[in-house]
Amino acid sequence: MNTLSKITSIINYITIIQICFLFGCWEDKKKSNPQAWILTGLGVFQQQENFRTLDEPNNTFETSTCLGAEIDQIRSYIYPKEDIDIFNLSIATNNFKLFISNVTTFGSNLNFGFQVYDEQGILIYDVNQRSFDGLSKTIIANRNILQEECLIEKCHTLTNIRYIEFSSFIKKIYIKIYSLNPHYYNESSQLKDEFTMISKNNTPMNIKFPPNLILTGDLRYCEQ
């Protein structure tokens, strides 16, 4: 390579570096995890732990607990009876997708309210309201699917699966979990929500009971 060619190559390389510095050429691998799943287990459990408020206060959008790509597991209780739990999640490029077991009886069987809000705090999905069973500006897929149609490993734990996909412009959501009938449980029997992330080899971590709801998306890491 002659001197002129070397100088030209160096100039081109410097130009590329400058363009990348200004406009971005390399994706930050730590911004999101494209293989992240959130497995959500909701149910009534006998109180054995000495803690009930692991992530409290998280009963408003402003104080909501972030669920990000770095999460292993979050476990908390809907306790005392007026308590609610709100979590926030953000994704990078793909769409949020929900797989729900027995959607028409989900709330009544588990005594749980499960709602999804957009970044502005507008309700975009409620598992207990049949008015959300159709399509909308924010929901682009909403139908029953067979187990073999679900390509997620843990779908085999779900029955009568409802598949819901949110629009691509929904990049951040809030999940609200609360008791439908607080008087149905007491000091020794409380409602518990448990979230576990699946990533890398799609191997569940610390799953003590089958999930009844699966949320997928390339989750962003929570801001420190």
C-alpha atoms as a PDB file:
ATOM      1  CA  MET A   1       0.000   0.000   0.000  1.00  0.00           C
ATOM      2  CA  ASN A   2       1.514   3.324  -1.042  1.00  0.00           C
ATOM      3  CA  THR A   3       1.663   6.415   1.139  1.00  0.00           C
ATOM      4  CA  LEU A   4      -1.357   8.067  -0.535  1.00  0.00           C
ATOM      5  CA  SER A   5      -3.501   4.963  -0.001  1.00  0.00           C
ATOM      6  CA  LYS A   6      -2.486   4.794   3.662  1.00  0.00           C
ATOM      7  CA  ILE A   7      -3.354   8.451   4.201  1.00  0.00           C
ATOM      8  CA  THR A   8      -6.710   7.959   2.461  1.00  0.00           C
ATOM      9  CA  SER A   9      -7.492   4.926   4.646  1.00  0.00           C
ATOM     10  CA  ILE A  10      -6.638   6.838   7.804  1.00  0.00           C
ATOM     11  CA  ILE A  11      -8.820   9.775   6.773  1.00  0.00           C
ATOM     12  CA  ASN A  12     -11.728   7.425   5.980  1.00  0.00           C
ATOM     13  CA  TYR A  13     -11.321   5.688   9.328  1.00  0.00           C
ATOM     14  CA  ILE A  14     -11.282   8.993  11.216  1.00  0.00           C
ATOM     15  CA  THR A  15     -14.375  10.112   9.287  1.00  0.00           C
ATOM     16  CA  ILE A  16     -16.233   6.946  10.260  1.00  0.00           C
ATOM     17  CA  ILE A  17     -15.262   7.446  13.912  1.00  0.00           C
ATOM     18  CA  GLN A  18     -16.549  11.036  13.782  1.00  0.00           C
ATOM     19  CA  ILE A  19     -19.844   9.953  12.182  1.00  0.00           C
ATOM     20  CA  CYS A  20     -20.310   7.229  14.773  1.00  0.00           C
ATOM     21  CA  PHE A  21     -19.547   9.649  17.571  1.00  0.00           C
ATOM     22  CA  LEU A  22     -22.168  12.071  16.278  1.00  0.00           C
ATOM     23  CA  PHE A  23     -24.923   9.681  15.208  1.00  0.00           C
ATOM     24  CA  GLY A  24     -24.132   6.362  16.906  1.00  0.00           C
ATOM     25  CA  CYS A  25     -22.945   3.218  15.151  1.00  0.00           C
ATOM     26  CA  TRP A  26     -22.702   0.695  17.970  1.00  0.00           C
ATOM     27  CA  GLU A  27     -25.657  -0.529  19.968  1.00  0.00           C
ATOM     28  CA  ASP A  28     -25.147  -0.501  23.714  1.00  0.00           C
ATOM     29  CA  LYS A  29     -25.545  -4.189  24.575  1.00  0.00           C
ATOM     30  CA  LYS A  30     -26.362  -3.300  28.165  1.00  0.00           C
ATOM     31  CA  LYS A  31     -29.389  -1.219  27.282  1.00  0.00           C
ATOM     32  CA  SER A  32     -31.686  -4.186  26.821  1.00  0.00           C
ATOM     33  CA  ASN A  33     -31.890  -7.956  26.841  1.00  0.00           C
ATOM     34  CA  PRO A  34     -33.625  -9.311  23.714  1.00  0.00           C
ATOM     35  CA  GLN A  35     -34.202 -12.706  25.343  1.00  0.00           C
ATOM     36  CA  ALA A  36     -35.770 -11.441  28.545  1.00  0.00           C
ATOM     37  CA  TRP A  37     -39.048 -12.871  29.701  1.00  0.00           C
ATOM     38  CA  ILE A  38     -41.003 -11.957  32.761  1.00  0.00           C
ATOM     39  CA  LEU A  39     -42.864 -14.855  34.313  1.00  0.00           C
ATOM     40  CA  THR A  40     -45.604 -13.696  36.616  1.00  0.00           C
ATOM     41  CA  GLY A  41     -47.022 -15.926  39.294  1.00  0.00           C
ATOM     42  CA  LEU A  42     -50.123 -14.704  41.089  1.00  0.00           C
ATOM     43  CA  GLY A  43     -51.824 -16.607  43.859  1.00  0.00           C
ATOM     44  CA  VAL A  44     -52.715 -17.001  47.517  1.00  0.00           C
ATOM     45  CA  PHE A  45     -49.943 -18.317  49.735  1.00  0.00           C
ATOM     46  CA  GLN A  46     -49.568 -19.020  53.411  1.00  0.00           C
ATOM     47  CA  GLN A  47     -47.484 -16.301  55.014  1.00  0.00           C
ATOM     48  CA  GLN A  48     -44.173 -17.784  56.160  1.00  0.00           C
ATOM     49  CA  GLU A  49     -41.592 -15.091  55.455  1.00  0.00           C
ATOM     50  CA  ASN A  50     -40.933 -12.315  57.911  1.00  0.00           C
ATOM     51  CA  PHE A  51     -41.287  -9.627  55.238  1.00  0.00           C
ATOM     52  CA  ARG A  52     -44.320  -8.435  53.330  1.00  0.00           C
ATOM     53  CA  THR A  53     -43.163  -5.149  51.826  1.00  0.00           C
ATOM     54  CA  LEU A  54     -40.039  -6.028  49.875  1.00  0.00           C
ATOM     55  CA  ASP A  55     -40.485  -3.240  47.327  1.00  0.00           C
ATOM     56  CA  GLU A  56     -42.742  -0.806  49.154  1.00  0.00           C
ATOM     57  CA  PRO A  57     -43.832   1.827  48.687  1.00  0.00           C
ATOM     58  CA  ASN A  58     -44.868   0.995  45.114  1.00  0.00           C
ATOM     59  CA  ASN A  59     -48.550   1.838  45.044  1.00  0.00           C
ATOM     60  CA  THR A  60     -48.316   4.847  42.700  1.00  0.00           C
ATOM     61  CA  PHE A  61     -46.829   5.354  39.249  1.00  0.00           C
ATOM     62  CA  GLU A  62     -44.217   7.662  40.746  1.00  0.00           C
ATOM     63  CA  THR A  63     -43.063   5.076  43.313  1.00  0.00           C
ATOM     64  CA  SER A  64     -43.481   2.007  41.089  1.00  0.00           C
ATOM     65  CA  THR A  65     -40.819  -0.695  41.175  1.00  0.00           C
ATOM     66  CA  CYS A  66     -38.759  -1.047  38.000  1.00  0.00           C
ATOM     67  CA  LEU A  67     -38.543  -4.509  36.451  1.00  0.00           C
ATOM     68  CA  GLY A  68     -35.541  -4.515  34.149  1.00  0.00           C
ATOM     69  CA  ALA A  69     -33.303  -6.878  32.241  1.00  0.00           C
ATOM     70  CA  GLU A  70     -31.008  -7.239  35.254  1.00  0.00           C
ATOM     71  CA  ILE A  71     -33.708  -8.606  37.524  1.00  0.00           C
ATOM     72  CA  ASP A  72     -33.568 -12.107  38.938  1.00  0.00           C
ATOM     73  CA  GLN A  73     -36.698 -12.213  41.033  1.00  0.00           C
ATOM     74  CA  ILE A  74     -39.059  -9.876  42.838  1.00  0.00           C
ATOM     75  CA  ARG A  75     -41.512 -11.226  45.370  1.00  0.00           C
ATOM     76  CA  SER A  76     -43.940  -9.196  47.414  1.00  0.00           C
ATOM     77  CA  TYR A  77     -47.357  -9.421  48.988  1.00  0.00           C
ATOM     78  CA  ILE A  78     -50.594  -7.581  48.447  1.00  0.00           C
ATOM     79  CA  TYR A  79     -50.802  -6.730  52.110  1.00  0.00           C
ATOM     80  CA  PRO A  80     -52.389  -5.186  54.079  1.00  0.00           C
ATOM     81  CA  LYS A  81     -55.801  -5.452  52.480  1.00  0.00           C
ATOM     82  CA  GLU A  82     -55.759  -2.064  50.752  1.00  0.00           C
ATOM     83  CA  ASP A  83     -52.246  -2.544  49.327  1.00  0.00           C
ATOM     84  CA  ILE A  84     -51.525  -2.559  45.606  1.00  0.00           C
ATOM     85  CA  ASP A  85     -48.287  -3.200  43.715  1.00  0.00           C
ATOM     86  CA  ILE A  86     -47.262  -1.191  40.660  1.00  0.00           C
ATOM     87  CA  PHE A  87     -44.275  -2.092  38.492  1.00  0.00           C
ATOM     88  CA  ASN A  88     -42.819  -0.344  35.456  1.00  0.00           C
ATOM     89  CA  LEU A  89     -41.076  -1.943  32.474  1.00  0.00           C
ATOM     90  CA  SER A  90     -39.441  -0.524  29.356  1.00  0.00           C
ATOM     91  CA  ILE A  91     -38.410  -2.236  26.120  1.00  0.00           C
ATOM     92  CA  ALA A  92     -36.008  -1.222  23.379  1.00  0.00           C
ATOM     93  CA  THR A  93     -37.267  -2.308  19.965  1.00  0.00           C
ATOM     94  CA  ASN A  94     -39.813  -5.124  20.045  1.00  0.00           C
ATOM     95  CA  ASN A  95     -43.427  -5.180  21.217  1.00  0.00           C
ATOM     96  CA  PHE A  96     -44.729  -6.175  24.633  1.00  0.00           C
ATOM     97  CA  LYS A  97     -46.574  -9.503  24.441  1.00  0.00           C
ATOM     98  CA  LEU A  98     -48.798 -11.150  27.032  1.00  0.00           C
ATOM     99  CA  PHE A  99     -49.758 -14.809  27.338  1.00  0.00           C
ATOM    100  CA  ILE A 100     -52.506 -15.321  29.922  1.00  0.00           C
ATOM    101  CA  SER A 101     -53.938 -18.571  31.236  1.00  0.00           C
ATOM    102  CA  ASN A 102     -57.744 -18.867  31.443  1.00  0.00           C
ATOM    103  CA  VAL A 103     -58.248 -15.163  30.830  1.00  0.00           C
ATOM    104  CA  THR A 104     -62.032 -15.102  31.366  1.00  0.00           C
ATOM    105  CA  THR A 105     -61.743 -16.534  34.887  1.00  0.00           C
ATOM    106  CA  PHE A 106     -58.248 -15.275  35.704  1.00  0.00           C
ATOM    107  CA  GLY A 107     -59.327 -12.642  38.224  1.00  0.00           C
ATOM    108  CA  SER A 108     -62.166 -14.532  39.857  1.00  0.00           C
ATOM    109  CA  ASN A 109     -60.121 -17.714  40.299  1.00  0.00           C
ATOM    110  CA  LEU A 110     -57.073 -15.954  41.716  1.00  0.00           C
ATOM    111  CA  ASN A 111     -58.810 -12.959  43.325  1.00  0.00           C
ATOM    112  CA  PHE A 112     -56.399 -10.693  41.452  1.00  0.00           C
ATOM    113  CA  GLY A 113     -56.742  -7.503  39.514  1.00  0.00           C
ATOM    114  CA  PHE A 114     -54.129  -7.167  36.763  1.00  0.00           C
ATOM    115  CA  GLN A 115     -54.006  -3.947  34.736  1.00  0.00           C
ATOM    116  CA  VAL A 116     -51.606  -2.470  32.184  1.00  0.00           C
ATOM    117  CA  TYR A 117     -51.129   1.285  31.786  1.00  0.00           C
ATOM    118  CA  ASP A 118     -49.151   3.215  29.198  1.00  0.00           C
ATOM    119  CA  GLU A 119     -46.416   5.737  29.972  1.00  0.00           C
ATOM    120  CA  GLN A 120     -49.000   8.490  30.446  1.00  0.00           C
ATOM    121  CA  GLY A 121     -50.876   6.430  33.035  1.00  0.00           C
ATOM    122  CA  ILE A 122     -53.776   5.583  30.707  1.00  0.00           C
ATOM    123  CA  LEU A 123     -55.345   2.159  31.187  1.00  0.00           C
ATOM    124  CA  ILE A 124     -54.745   0.065  28.058  1.00  0.00           C
ATOM    125  CA  TYR A 125     -55.581  -3.421  29.330  1.00  0.00           C
ATOM    126  CA  ASP A 126     -57.515  -4.973  32.206  1.00  0.00           C
ATOM    127  CA  VAL A 127     -57.672  -8.748  32.490  1.00  0.00           C
ATOM    128  CA  ASN A 128     -61.022  -8.557  34.282  1.00  0.00           C
ATOM    129  CA  GLN A 129     -62.800  -6.280  31.817  1.00  0.00           C
ATOM    130  CA  ARG A 130     -64.142  -8.040  28.735  1.00  0.00           C
ATOM    131  CA  SER A 131     -64.263  -4.692  26.930  1.00  0.00           C
ATOM    132  CA  PHE A 132     -60.490  -5.135  26.438  1.00  0.00           C
ATOM    133  CA  ASP A 133     -60.926  -8.431  24.558  1.00  0.00           C
ATOM    134  CA  GLY A 134     -60.808  -6.722  21.171  1.00  0.00           C
ATOM    135  CA  LEU A 135     -58.323  -4.719  19.142  1.00  0.00           C
ATOM    136  CA  SER A 136     -57.555  -1.045  19.654  1.00  0.00           C
ATOM    137  CA  LYS A 137     -54.954   1.599  18.896  1.00  0.00           C
ATOM    138  CA  THR A 138     -52.725   0.094  21.570  1.00  0.00           C
ATOM    139  CA  ILE A 139     -53.573  -3.621  21.157  1.00  0.00           C
ATOM    140  CA  ILE A 140     -52.770  -5.097  17.739  1.00  0.00           C
ATOM    141  CA  ALA A 141     -53.323  -8.779  18.568  1.00  0.00           C
ATOM    142  CA  ASN A 142     -55.894 -10.194  20.973  1.00  0.00           C
ATOM    143  CA  ARG A 143     -56.969 -13.779  20.434  1.00  0.00           C
ATOM    144  CA  ASN A 144     -57.000 -17.285  21.829  1.00  0.00           C
ATOM    145  CA  ILE A 145     -54.157 -19.520  20.688  1.00  0.00           C
ATOM    146  CA  LEU A 146     -53.286 -23.186  21.014  1.00  0.00           C
ATOM    147  CA  GLN A 147     -50.329 -24.252  23.129  1.00  0.00           C
ATOM    148  CA  GLU A 148     -48.394 -25.327  20.039  1.00  0.00           C
ATOM    149  CA  GLU A 149     -48.782 -21.814  18.611  1.00  0.00           C
ATOM    150  CA  CYS A 150     -46.904 -20.341  21.544  1.00  0.00           C
ATOM    151  CA  LEU A 151     -43.183 -20.526  20.855  1.00  0.00           C
ATOM    152  CA  ILE A 152     -42.212 -19.816  24.458  1.00  0.00           C
ATOM    153  CA  GLU A 153     -41.001 -22.790  26.447  1.00  0.00           C
ATOM    154  CA  LYS A 154     -43.063 -22.017  29.536  1.00  0.00           C
ATOM    155  CA  CYS A 155     -46.352 -21.852  27.621  1.00  0.00           C
ATOM    156  CA  HIS A 156     -46.864 -25.515  28.438  1.00  0.00           C
ATOM    157  CA  THR A 157     -47.850 -24.418  31.953  1.00  0.00           C
ATOM    158  CA  LEU A 158     -50.691 -22.290  30.574  1.00  0.00           C
ATOM    159  CA  THR A 159     -54.151 -23.486  29.573  1.00  0.00           C
ATOM    160  CA  ASN A 160     -56.712 -21.763  27.365  1.00  0.00           C
ATOM    161  CA  ILE A 161     -54.075 -19.242  26.354  1.00  0.00           C
ATOM    162  CA  ARG A 162     -54.960 -15.668  25.449  1.00  0.00           C
ATOM    163  CA  TYR A 163     -52.344 -13.917  23.322  1.00  0.00           C
ATOM    164  CA  ILE A 164     -52.136 -10.116  23.477  1.00  0.00           C
ATOM    165  CA  GLU A 165     -49.630  -7.924  21.663  1.00  0.00           C
ATOM    166  CA  PHE A 166     -49.303  -4.205  22.230  1.00  0.00           C
ATOM    167  CA  SER A 167     -48.530  -1.636  19.530  1.00  0.00           C
ATOM    168  CA  SER A 168     -44.921  -0.842  18.694  1.00  0.00           C
ATOM    169  CA  PHE A 169     -45.196   2.700  20.076  1.00  0.00           C
ATOM    170  CA  ILE A 170     -45.824   1.299  23.579  1.00  0.00           C
ATOM    171  CA  LYS A 171     -42.269   1.241  24.924  1.00  0.00           C
ATOM    172  CA  LYS A 172     -42.997   1.662  28.621  1.00  0.00           C
ATOM    173  CA  ILE A 173     -45.819   0.197  30.671  1.00  0.00           C
ATOM    174  CA  TYR A 174     -46.992   0.118  34.252  1.00  0.00           C
ATOM    175  CA  ILE A 175     -48.465  -3.067  35.697  1.00  0.00           C
ATOM    176  CA  LYS A 176     -50.896  -2.721  38.563  1.00  0.00           C
ATOM    177  CA  ILE A 177     -51.715  -5.704  40.767  1.00  0.00           C
ATOM    178  CA  TYR A 178     -54.277  -5.608  43.529  1.00  0.00           C
ATOM    179  CA  SER A 179     -56.827  -7.760  45.333  1.00  0.00           C
ATOM    180  CA  LEU A 180     -60.329  -7.886  43.894  1.00  0.00           C
ATOM    181  CA  ASN A 181     -61.858  -8.882  47.225  1.00  0.00           C
ATOM    182  CA  PRO A 182     -59.541  -8.018  50.132  1.00  0.00           C
ATOM    183  CA  HIS A 183     -61.844  -9.594  52.727  1.00  0.00           C
ATOM    184  CA  TYR A 184     -61.223 -13.048  51.196  1.00  0.00           C
ATOM    185  CA  TYR A 185     -57.805 -13.330  52.817  1.00  0.00           C
ATOM    186  CA  ASN A 186     -56.325 -12.626  56.215  1.00  0.00           C
ATOM    187  CA  GLU A 187     -53.102 -12.464  58.207  1.00  0.00           C
ATOM    188  CA  SER A 188     -52.081 -16.057  57.476  1.00  0.00           C
ATOM    189  CA  SER A 189     -53.203 -16.246  53.859  1.00  0.00           C
ATOM    190  CA  GLN A 190     -52.137 -13.365  51.641  1.00  0.00           C
ATOM    191  CA  LEU A 191     -51.946 -12.651  47.945  1.00  0.00           C
ATOM    192  CA  LYS A 192     -48.462 -12.767  46.508  1.00  0.00           C
ATOM    193  CA  ASP A 193     -47.051 -11.596  43.197  1.00  0.00           C
ATOM    194  CA  GLU A 194     -43.768 -13.002  42.017  1.00  0.00           C
ATOM    195  CA  PHE A 195     -41.799 -11.976  38.926  1.00  0.00           C
ATOM    196  CA  THR A 196     -38.885 -13.921  37.525  1.00  0.00           C
ATOM    197  CA  MET A 197     -36.840 -13.076  34.461  1.00  0.00           C
ATOM    198  CA  ILE A 198     -35.855 -15.737  31.962  1.00  0.00           C
ATOM    199  CA  SER A 199     -32.839 -15.057  29.775  1.00  0.00           C
ATOM    200  CA  LYS A 200     -29.822 -16.573  28.058  1.00  0.00           C
ATOM    201  CA  ASN A 201     -30.535 -20.318  28.017  1.00  0.00           C
ATOM    202  CA  ASN A 202     -34.245 -19.876  28.724  1.00  0.00           C
ATOM    203  CA  THR A 203     -33.753 -21.596  32.061  1.00  0.00           C
ATOM    204  CA  PRO A 204     -36.219 -20.641  34.813  1.00  0.00           C
ATOM    205  CA  MET A 205     -34.685 -19.287  37.982  1.00  0.00           C
ATOM    206  CA  ASN A 206     -36.302 -19.914  41.348  1.00  0.00           C
ATOM    207  CA  ILE A 207     -39.722 -20.766  39.916  1.00  0.00           C
ATOM    208  CA  LYS A 208     -41.604 -22.408  42.787  1.00  0.00           C
ATOM    209  CA  PHE A 209     -44.970 -22.573  41.042  1.00  0.00           C
ATOM    210  CA  PRO A 210     -46.158 -22.509  37.424  1.00  0.00           C
ATOM    211  CA  PRO A 211     -46.622 -19.004  36.033  1.00  0.00           C
ATOM    212  CA  ASN A 212     -50.148 -18.113  34.964  1.00  0.00           C
ATOM    213  CA  LEU A 213     -49.099 -15.081  32.961  1.00  0.00           C
ATOM    214  CA  ILE A 214     -46.044 -14.529  30.765  1.00  0.00           C
ATOM    215  CA  LEU A 215     -44.875 -11.118  29.608  1.00  0.00           C
ATOM    216  CA  THR A 216     -42.189 -10.892  26.929  1.00  0.00           C
ATOM    217  CA  GLY A 217     -40.066  -8.089  25.526  1.00  0.00           C
ATOM    218  CA  ASP A 218     -36.455  -7.016  25.097  1.00  0.00           C
ATOM    219  CA  LEU A 219     -36.428  -5.400  28.513  1.00  0.00           C
ATOM    220  CA  ARG A 220     -34.278  -2.382  29.173  1.00  0.00           C
ATOM    221  CA  TYR A 221     -32.114  -2.214  32.253  1.00  0.00           C
ATOM    222  CA  CYS A 222     -33.450  -0.088  35.073  1.00  0.00           C
ATOM    223  CA  GLU A 223     -31.829   3.302  35.508  1.00  0.00           C
ATOM    224  CA  GLN A 224     -29.755   3.460  38.647  1.00  0.00           C
END
